Amino acid sequence: MRIYNSDGSEPEMCGNGIRCLARFVADVDGAEAGQEYRIDTLAGLIRPVMQADGQVRVDMGEPILEGMQVPTTLEPTQGTTVVARELEVDGKSWTVSTVSMGNPHALVYSVDGRPVKLDEVDLFRVGPMFESHPVFPAKTNTEFVEVLSPGHVRMMVWERGAGRTLACGTGACATVVAGVLEGKTDRRCRVDLPGGPLFIEWDEATNKIFMTGPAEFVFSGGL
C-alpha cells in the first residue's frame, strides 16, 4: 500500500487507510471473520485481521521511542526517549512526548503546566507551527490529548502534509504510548477522535500496538 497526502507528499503509512484497505479487500474476497492480511508499507509489514462485528484489528508493530529515530532533536528525558519535554510554540510552553509508529508523532498532554482542554486549542494556528518546528527535521504529526480517565481520552490531530483530519490511526496508537510513558493512561485505552473512537492496546508482553476500529463502505464511482 502506498498513500499520498493532500499536498502530494508520501507518508510512511496510514493506520486508518490500512483498515479501509483491509475492509475493501475482505468485501471483494467475501472474507469471513478471522481473515488476516499482510500489507507491505514504507513503515514495514502491517497485519490487519477482520473481526466478527465488522471492525478491523490491526497489529501495528512496535513503537519507536528513540528520539533520533522518530526523528526529533529534542533532548531525551528518559534514556534516549523524549517524554514530557517542554517546547515553546506560539508563546506557550507545551509538554511534548515523541513517538514513531513508522511515521513521526508529537503528543501533547499539557500546556503551560495545565492539562490540555481541546476546546481551548487553536488547532489551525498552532498545528502548522508544530508540523514545521525545527526540532522535527522530517516534520511531524501532532496530537493534542485531553484525558477523561486512564482508559479514555479525547484527541485531535494536525497531520503532516494534510492538516486537520478527522482521525489518525497511527496517531491514536502514539497517543496511548505517550500516555503510558507519562503515567496518564492505561495500556488499553479508548481514543475518541472527531471521526469516531478507536480502541488501542499496547501489549506489555510483545511490545506491540493493536488498533481496533471500523471501516465502512461509503460509495463507489467511475469515469
Protein backbone atom coordinates (compact mmCIF):
# COMPACT_ATOMS: atom_id res chain seq x y z
CA MET A 1 0.00 0.00 0.00
CA ARG A 2 1.16 3.49 -0.84
CA ILE A 3 -0.65 6.63 0.22
CA TYR A 4 -0.36 10.30 -0.67
CA ASN A 5 -1.30 13.34 1.38
CA SER A 6 -3.35 16.22 0.02
CA ASP A 7 -0.13 18.23 -0.51
CA GLY A 8 1.34 15.45 -2.68
CA SER A 9 3.81 14.14 -0.08
CA GLU A 10 4.01 10.41 0.64
CA PRO A 11 3.85 9.32 4.30
CA GLU A 12 5.27 6.04 5.51
CA MET A 13 1.83 4.57 6.23
CA CYS A 14 -1.69 5.37 7.38
CA GLY A 15 -3.43 3.44 10.16
CA ASN A 16 -6.94 4.39 9.06
CA GLY A 17 -6.01 3.64 5.45
CA ILE A 18 -4.88 0.14 6.46
CA ARG A 19 -8.30 -0.62 7.94
CA CYS A 20 -10.07 0.73 4.88
CA LEU A 21 -7.87 -1.30 2.54
CA ALA A 22 -8.45 -4.46 4.58
CA ARG A 23 -12.22 -3.87 4.56
CA PHE A 24 -12.19 -3.33 0.79
CA VAL A 25 -10.21 -6.50 0.08
CA ALA A 26 -12.34 -8.50 2.53
CA ASP A 27 -15.52 -7.33 0.77
CA VAL A 28 -14.06 -8.28 -2.62
CA ASP A 29 -12.92 -11.66 -1.30
CA GLY A 30 -16.08 -12.34 0.67
CA ALA A 31 -13.77 -12.99 3.60
CA GLU A 32 -15.12 -14.09 6.96
CA ALA A 33 -14.14 -13.09 10.49
CA GLY A 34 -10.60 -14.13 11.35
CA GLN A 35 -9.19 -13.43 7.90
CA GLU A 36 -5.73 -11.86 8.24
CA TYR A 37 -3.98 -9.82 5.57
CA ARG A 38 -0.30 -8.95 5.22
CA ILE A 39 0.20 -5.43 3.86
CA ASP A 40 3.59 -4.03 2.94
CA THR A 41 4.08 -0.31 3.67
CA LEU A 42 7.05 2.03 3.81
CA ALA A 43 6.84 1.55 7.60
CA GLY A 44 7.08 -2.23 7.29
CA LEU A 45 4.67 -5.17 7.27
CA ILE A 46 1.24 -4.49 8.83
CA ARG A 47 -1.27 -7.25 9.69
CA PRO A 48 -4.99 -6.40 9.88
CA VAL A 49 -7.48 -9.08 10.98
CA MET A 50 -11.21 -8.94 10.24
CA GLN A 51 -13.46 -9.15 13.33
CA ALA A 52 -16.88 -10.76 13.73
CA ASP A 53 -18.50 -7.38 14.49
CA GLY A 54 -17.20 -5.88 11.23
CA GLN A 55 -14.37 -3.97 12.82
CA VAL A 56 -10.72 -4.40 11.89
CA ARG A 57 -8.00 -5.19 14.43
CA VAL A 58 -4.54 -4.22 13.25
CA ASP A 59 -1.16 -5.33 14.56
CA MET A 60 0.66 -2.01 14.18
CA GLY A 61 4.03 -3.37 15.32
CA GLU A 62 6.29 -1.91 17.98
CA PRO A 63 6.59 1.83 18.67
CA ILE A 64 9.90 3.54 18.03
CA LEU A 65 10.87 5.61 21.06
CA GLU A 66 14.46 6.67 20.43
CA GLY A 67 14.33 10.39 19.79
CA MET A 68 16.78 10.46 16.90
CA GLN A 69 14.81 7.74 15.10
CA VAL A 70 11.43 9.47 15.49
CA PRO A 71 13.10 11.83 14.44
CA THR A 72 13.44 14.80 16.78
CA THR A 73 16.33 16.86 18.05
CA LEU A 74 14.60 17.45 21.40
CA GLU A 75 16.88 16.37 24.24
CA PRO A 76 15.91 12.95 25.63
CA THR A 77 14.44 12.80 29.12
CA GLN A 78 14.40 9.02 29.72
CA GLY A 79 17.48 7.35 28.27
CA THR A 80 17.13 8.05 24.54
CA THR A 81 13.37 8.69 24.78
CA VAL A 82 11.74 12.13 24.71
CA VAL A 83 8.99 12.12 27.35
CA ALA A 84 7.25 15.27 28.66
CA ARG A 85 9.82 17.69 27.24
CA GLU A 86 8.85 21.37 27.27
CA LEU A 87 8.63 23.07 23.85
CA GLU A 88 7.89 26.72 23.23
CA VAL A 89 5.33 27.25 20.46
CA ASP A 90 3.31 30.42 19.88
CA GLY A 91 4.40 31.89 23.20
CA LYS A 92 3.24 28.91 25.24
CA SER A 93 5.07 26.03 26.89
CA TRP A 94 3.73 22.73 25.56
CA THR A 95 4.69 19.41 27.15
CA VAL A 96 5.69 17.09 24.30
CA SER A 97 6.47 13.39 24.07
CA THR A 98 7.65 11.93 20.77
CA VAL A 99 6.84 8.52 19.29
CA SER A 100 7.20 6.98 15.85
CA MET A 101 4.75 4.40 14.54
CA GLY A 102 6.76 4.28 11.33
CA ASN A 103 5.90 7.98 11.00
CA PRO A 104 6.69 10.78 13.47
CA HIS A 105 4.32 11.98 16.18
CA ALA A 106 4.45 14.70 18.80
CA LEU A 107 1.97 14.09 21.63
CA VAL A 108 0.78 16.99 23.77
CA TYR A 109 -0.97 16.31 27.08
CA SER A 110 -0.41 19.67 28.80
CA VAL A 111 0.25 23.34 28.08
CA ASP A 112 1.64 25.96 30.46
CA GLY A 113 1.57 23.35 33.22
CA ARG A 114 -2.14 22.60 32.82
CA PRO A 115 -3.86 19.58 31.25
CA VAL A 116 -4.89 20.16 27.64
CA LYS A 117 -8.53 21.10 27.02
CA LEU A 118 -9.29 20.53 23.36
CA ASP A 119 -11.84 23.33 23.20
CA GLU A 120 -9.06 25.77 24.12
CA VAL A 121 -6.56 24.65 21.45
CA ASP A 122 -6.48 26.75 18.25
CA LEU A 123 -5.53 23.83 16.03
CA PHE A 124 -5.37 25.80 12.79
CA ARG A 125 -2.92 28.23 14.38
CA VAL A 126 -0.57 26.00 16.36
CA GLY A 127 -0.82 22.84 14.23
CA PRO A 128 1.31 24.22 11.37
CA MET A 129 3.80 25.64 13.89
CA PHE A 130 4.34 22.18 15.38
CA GLU A 131 4.46 20.48 11.98
CA SER A 132 7.31 22.64 10.71
CA HIS A 133 9.13 23.27 14.01
CA PRO A 134 12.93 22.95 13.61
CA VAL A 135 13.11 20.23 16.30
CA PHE A 136 11.27 17.90 13.90
CA PRO A 137 13.62 17.52 10.89
CA ALA A 138 11.15 15.32 8.96
CA LYS A 139 8.20 17.46 10.15
CA THR A 140 5.68 15.83 12.48
CA ASN A 141 2.11 14.81 13.09
CA THR A 142 0.84 16.47 16.27
CA GLU A 143 -1.82 15.12 18.61
CA PHE A 144 -3.41 17.22 21.35
CA VAL A 145 -4.89 14.98 24.04
CA GLU A 146 -7.47 15.57 26.77
CA VAL A 147 -7.64 12.85 29.45
CA LEU A 148 -11.13 11.83 30.55
CA SER A 149 -9.92 8.81 32.54
CA PRO A 150 -6.90 6.47 32.38
CA GLY A 151 -8.84 4.30 29.94
CA HIS A 152 -10.48 7.05 27.89
CA VAL A 153 -9.06 10.14 26.15
CA ARG A 154 -10.12 12.68 23.55
CA MET A 155 -7.66 13.61 20.81
CA MET A 156 -7.47 15.88 17.80
CA VAL A 157 -4.70 15.84 15.24
CA TRP A 158 -2.82 18.06 12.84
CA GLU A 159 -1.32 15.70 10.27
CA ARG A 160 1.94 16.29 8.47
CA GLY A 161 1.14 17.16 4.87
CA ALA A 162 -2.63 17.02 5.35
CA GLY A 163 -3.55 19.47 8.13
CA ARG A 164 -6.61 18.88 10.29
CA THR A 165 -8.11 15.44 9.76
CA LEU A 166 -10.99 13.65 11.46
CA ALA A 167 -8.87 10.75 12.65
CA CYS A 168 -5.35 9.32 12.62
CA GLY A 169 -4.76 5.64 13.38
CA THR A 170 -1.02 5.86 13.95
CA GLY A 171 -1.66 9.00 16.00
CA ALA A 172 -4.13 7.17 18.23
CA CYS A 173 -1.52 4.45 18.79
CA ALA A 174 1.17 7.02 19.59
CA THR A 175 -1.26 8.79 21.92
CA VAL A 176 -1.57 5.73 24.13
CA VAL A 177 2.17 5.02 24.08
CA ALA A 178 2.92 8.57 25.21
CA GLY A 179 0.09 8.42 27.74
CA VAL A 180 1.57 5.29 29.32
CA LEU A 181 5.08 6.78 29.37
CA GLU A 182 3.76 9.96 31.02
CA GLY A 183 1.67 7.94 33.51
CA LYS A 184 -1.61 9.36 32.19
CA THR A 185 -3.29 6.38 30.51
CA ASP A 186 -3.65 2.63 30.79
CA ARG A 187 -2.20 0.29 28.18
CA ARG A 188 -5.75 -0.34 26.97
CA CYS A 189 -7.45 2.90 26.11
CA ARG A 190 -10.33 4.27 24.08
CA VAL A 191 -9.27 7.24 21.95
CA ASP A 192 -12.14 9.49 20.84
CA LEU A 193 -11.38 11.43 17.65
CA PRO A 194 -13.67 13.81 15.70
CA GLY A 195 -14.35 10.94 13.27
CA GLY A 196 -15.16 8.39 15.97
CA PRO A 197 -13.49 6.14 18.56
CA LEU A 198 -10.53 3.79 18.19
CA PHE A 199 -9.53 1.17 20.73
CA ILE A 200 -5.79 0.89 21.34
CA GLU A 201 -3.83 -1.71 23.28
CA TRP A 202 -0.07 -1.58 23.95
CA ASP A 203 0.68 -5.20 24.81
CA GLU A 204 3.31 -5.35 27.52
CA ALA A 205 4.44 -8.90 26.71
CA THR A 206 5.15 -8.32 23.00
CA ASN A 207 5.62 -4.52 22.99
CA LYS A 208 3.23 -4.40 20.02
CA ILE A 209 0.41 -1.92 19.48
CA PHE A 210 -3.02 -3.21 18.44
CA MET A 211 -5.60 -0.85 16.96
CA THR A 212 -9.25 -1.81 16.56
CA GLY A 213 -11.77 0.32 14.73
CA PRO A 214 -14.39 0.40 11.99
CA ALA A 215 -14.12 0.66 8.24
CA GLU A 216 -17.35 1.04 6.28
CA PHE A 217 -18.24 1.21 2.60
CA VAL A 218 -19.28 4.76 1.65
CA PHE A 219 -19.55 4.94 -2.14
CA SER A 220 -18.12 3.78 -5.44
CA GLY A 221 -17.57 5.82 -8.55
CA GLY A 222 -16.17 5.73 -12.04
CA LEU A 223 -15.38 7.76 -15.15
